[in-house]
Protein backbone atom coordinates (compact mmCIF):
# COMPACT_ATOMS: atom_id res chain seq x y z
CA UNK A 1 0.00 0.00 0.00
CA UNK A 2 2.96 2.29 -0.53
CA UNK A 3 1.05 3.77 -3.46
CA UNK A 4 -1.76 4.88 -1.14
CA UNK A 5 0.71 6.26 1.37
CA UNK A 6 2.21 8.48 -1.34
CA UNK A 7 -1.25 9.40 -2.64
CA UNK A 8 -2.40 10.49 0.82
CA UNK A 9 0.60 12.79 1.24
CA UNK A 10 -0.76 14.92 -1.61
CA UNK A 11 -3.75 15.79 0.55
CA UNK A 12 -2.87 15.50 4.23
CA UNK A 13 -0.03 13.84 6.17
CA UNK A 14 -1.62 10.88 7.95
CA UNK A 15 -0.11 9.12 10.95
CA UNK A 16 0.83 5.44 10.71
CA UNK A 17 -2.17 4.60 12.90
CA UNK A 18 -4.56 6.41 10.55
CA UNK A 19 -2.94 4.87 7.48
CA UNK A 20 -3.27 1.38 8.97
CA UNK A 21 -6.96 1.96 9.70
CA UNK A 22 -7.50 3.01 6.10
CA UNK A 23 -5.36 0.14 4.74
CA UNK A 24 -7.82 -2.26 6.40
CA UNK A 25 -10.65 -1.09 4.13
CA UNK A 26 -8.67 -0.88 0.87
CA UNK A 27 -8.11 -3.52 -1.77
CA UNK A 28 -6.19 -3.51 -5.03
CA UNK A 29 -8.23 -4.57 -8.05
CA UNK A 30 -7.57 -4.99 -11.75
CA UNK A 31 -10.31 -4.49 -14.32
CA UNK A 32 -10.21 -5.13 -18.08
CA UNK A 33 -10.91 -2.58 -20.78
CA UNK A 34 -14.66 -1.88 -21.16
CA UNK A 35 -15.43 -3.06 -17.62
CA UNK A 36 -18.20 -1.03 -15.98
CA UNK A 37 -17.27 -0.01 -12.44
CA UNK A 38 -20.72 1.53 -12.06
CA UNK A 39 -23.68 0.91 -14.36
CA UNK A 40 -26.57 3.25 -15.02
CA UNK A 41 -29.14 2.93 -12.23
CA UNK A 42 -26.79 0.96 -9.96
CA UNK A 43 -26.32 2.16 -6.38
CA UNK A 44 -22.56 2.57 -6.13
CA UNK A 45 -20.73 1.62 -2.96
CA UNK A 46 -17.07 2.16 -3.82
CA UNK A 47 -14.63 4.92 -4.61
CA UNK A 48 -11.45 4.27 -6.54
CA UNK A 49 -7.93 5.62 -6.71
CA UNK A 50 -6.66 5.00 -10.19
CA UNK A 51 -3.14 3.54 -10.24
CA UNK A 52 -2.97 2.56 -13.92
CA UNK A 53 -5.23 3.02 -16.92
CA UNK A 54 -7.99 5.40 -17.94
CA UNK A 55 -11.60 5.53 -16.73
CA UNK A 56 -14.42 7.71 -17.97
CA UNK A 57 -17.74 8.70 -16.47
CA UNK A 58 -20.58 9.33 -18.89
CA UNK A 59 -24.32 9.40 -19.30
CA UNK A 60 -26.64 8.68 -22.19
CA UNK A 61 -29.27 11.17 -23.35
CA UNK A 62 -32.79 10.26 -24.44
CA UNK A 63 -31.59 9.93 -28.05
CA UNK A 64 -28.99 7.36 -27.01
CA UNK A 65 -25.99 9.67 -27.42
CA UNK A 66 -23.16 9.27 -24.92
CA UNK A 67 -21.81 12.34 -23.11
CA UNK A 68 -18.45 11.90 -21.38
CA UNK A 69 -18.40 13.92 -18.17
CA UNK A 70 -14.92 13.13 -16.91
CA UNK A 71 -11.79 11.30 -18.04
CA UNK A 72 -9.77 9.92 -15.13
CA UNK A 73 -6.07 9.16 -15.39
CA UNK A 74 -3.59 8.21 -12.68
CA UNK A 75 -3.33 9.35 -9.94
CA UNK A 76 -6.87 10.51 -9.33
CA UNK A 77 -9.95 9.54 -7.36
CA UNK A 78 -12.99 8.25 -9.19
CA UNK A 79 -16.49 7.36 -8.14
CA UNK A 80 -20.01 8.71 -8.31
CA UNK A 81 -19.78 10.90 -5.24
CA UNK A 82 -23.30 12.35 -5.52
CA UNK A 83 -24.93 8.93 -5.71
CA UNK A 84 -22.69 7.62 -2.91
CA UNK A 85 -23.50 10.48 -0.54
CA UNK A 86 -27.23 10.41 -1.28
CA UNK A 87 -27.33 6.59 -1.46
CA UNK A 88 -29.15 6.83 -4.78
CA UNK A 89 -28.87 5.06 -8.12
CA UNK A 90 -26.17 6.40 -10.38
CA UNK A 91 -27.05 8.60 -13.31
CA UNK A 92 -23.53 8.08 -14.62
CA UNK A 93 -21.71 5.06 -15.99
CA UNK A 94 -18.07 4.54 -14.99
CA UNK A 95 -16.18 2.54 -17.60
CA UNK A 96 -12.57 1.43 -17.97
CA UNK A 97 -11.30 2.71 -21.32
CA UNK A 98 -8.12 0.68 -20.89
CA UNK A 99 -7.08 -2.13 -18.59
CA UNK A 100 -7.04 -0.52 -15.14
CA UNK A 101 -5.53 -1.11 -11.73
CA UNK A 102 -7.24 0.68 -8.86
CA UNK A 103 -7.32 0.89 -5.12
CA UNK A 104 -10.92 0.20 -4.17
CA UNK A 105 -12.56 1.47 -1.00
CA UNK A 106 -16.10 1.15 0.31
CA UNK A 107 -17.16 4.78 0.64
CA UNK A 108 -19.38 4.23 3.69
CA UNK A 109 -16.60 2.40 5.56
CA UNK A 110 -14.27 5.30 4.78
CA UNK A 111 -16.90 7.81 5.87
CA UNK A 112 -17.37 5.98 9.19
CA UNK A 113 -13.62 6.09 9.75
CA UNK A 114 -13.61 9.80 9.03
CA UNK A 115 -16.29 10.33 11.68
CA UNK A 116 -14.23 8.43 14.26
CA UNK A 117 -10.78 9.89 13.55
CA UNK A 118 -10.11 13.60 13.20
CA UNK A 119 -7.09 13.31 10.90
CA UNK A 120 -8.96 10.94 8.57
CA UNK A 121 -11.80 13.47 8.56
CA UNK A 122 -9.38 16.21 7.48
CA UNK A 123 -7.96 13.89 4.79
CA UNK A 124 -11.51 13.17 3.58
CA UNK A 125 -12.28 16.89 3.50
CA UNK A 126 -9.11 17.63 1.51
CA UNK A 127 -10.07 15.00 -1.08
CA UNK A 128 -13.56 16.49 -1.38
CA UNK A 129 -12.01 19.95 -1.80
CA UNK A 130 -9.84 18.63 -4.60
CA UNK A 131 -12.82 17.03 -6.36
CA UNK A 132 -14.81 20.26 -6.06
CA UNK A 133 -11.97 22.35 -7.48
CA UNK A 134 -11.46 19.87 -10.34
CA UNK A 135 -15.17 19.93 -11.24
CA UNK A 136 -15.42 23.71 -10.98
CA UNK A 137 -12.38 24.07 -13.24
CA UNK A 138 -13.96 21.78 -15.85
CA UNK A 139 -17.20 23.79 -15.84
CA UNK A 140 -15.27 27.03 -16.29
CA UNK A 141 -13.26 25.53 -19.14
CA UNK A 142 -16.45 24.51 -20.94
CA UNK A 143 -17.81 28.03 -20.54
CA UNK A 144 -14.66 30.05 -21.22
CA UNK A 145 -12.58 28.06 -23.71
CA UNK A 146 -13.39 27.18 -27.28
CA UNK A 147 -13.08 23.59 -28.51
CA UNK A 148 -9.50 24.04 -29.76
CA UNK A 149 -8.39 25.51 -26.44
CA UNK A 150 -10.10 22.68 -24.53
CA UNK A 151 -8.33 20.14 -26.74
CA UNK A 152 -4.95 21.81 -26.16
CA UNK A 153 -5.59 21.80 -22.42
CA UNK A 154 -6.53 18.11 -22.56
CA UNK A 155 -3.26 17.42 -24.41
CA UNK A 156 -1.30 19.32 -21.76
CA UNK A 157 -2.99 17.46 -18.92
CA UNK A 158 -2.94 14.03 -20.57
CA UNK A 159 -0.03 13.75 -23.02
CA UNK A 160 -0.44 10.87 -25.47
CA UNK A 161 -4.17 10.48 -24.71
CA UNK A 162 -4.88 10.35 -28.46
CA UNK A 163 -2.98 7.07 -28.61
CA UNK A 164 -4.63 5.61 -25.52
CA UNK A 165 -8.38 6.01 -26.00
CA UNK A 166 -10.95 6.19 -28.78
CA UNK A 167 -11.28 9.58 -30.50
CA UNK A 168 -15.04 9.34 -29.99
CA UNK A 169 -14.51 9.49 -26.21
CA UNK A 170 -12.21 12.49 -26.52
CA UNK A 171 -14.74 14.33 -28.69
CA UNK A 172 -17.53 13.51 -26.25
CA UNK A 173 -15.44 14.79 -23.33
CA UNK A 174 -14.72 18.03 -25.21
CA UNK A 175 -18.44 18.35 -26.00
CA UNK A 176 -17.84 18.32 -29.76
CA UNK A 177 -18.46 15.88 -32.59
CA UNK A 178 -15.78 13.46 -33.83
CA UNK A 179 -15.73 15.46 -37.11
CA UNK A 180 -14.97 18.67 -35.20
CA UNK A 181 -12.22 16.88 -33.30
CA UNK A 182 -10.72 15.65 -36.56
CA UNK A 183 -10.63 19.23 -37.90
CA UNK A 184 -9.05 20.51 -34.69
CA UNK A 185 -6.43 17.76 -34.77
CA UNK A 186 -5.62 18.50 -38.43
CA UNK A 187 -5.17 22.19 -37.63
CA UNK A 188 -3.16 21.36 -34.52
CA UNK A 189 -0.24 20.22 -36.72
CA UNK A 190 -0.26 16.48 -36.26
């Protein structure tokens, strides 16, 4: 669990006692490409820390079109937080776009630990802060940047992503069509 120890240091320095309590509720899992971590309508129970691979969250509109909300790459937390907190069925699908290795944690077990241990509570809060900032940043990017700028930012944040996942998923994440993405890529000097 050295990976988790290093991950936690990015948020809050946990004592060995706190780390050991968290280690007891973690497991390392491997999932194949196309595996659904959370299906539409499923009540999720777990959160994930992505060690290797790429995951996306998406929904499907009434016309059957997929809309990618988030692309997750290492090292980042993933999970349908809204559905977990409200204990409701997920309106998002979480799918492995590549083979993935994750650290899996039952969210409610982690939440109980955070209620019992102040430093774990602070760690939990810091993770939630990070998720909020990440989501707010994405919303602002969609509002303030044009498609080319969003693509360039994606390239900066995830070098080589074009070679790792389907162009359709990238276009969906950027909120553009695959044809628009192709034009942007052609003008981007590939």
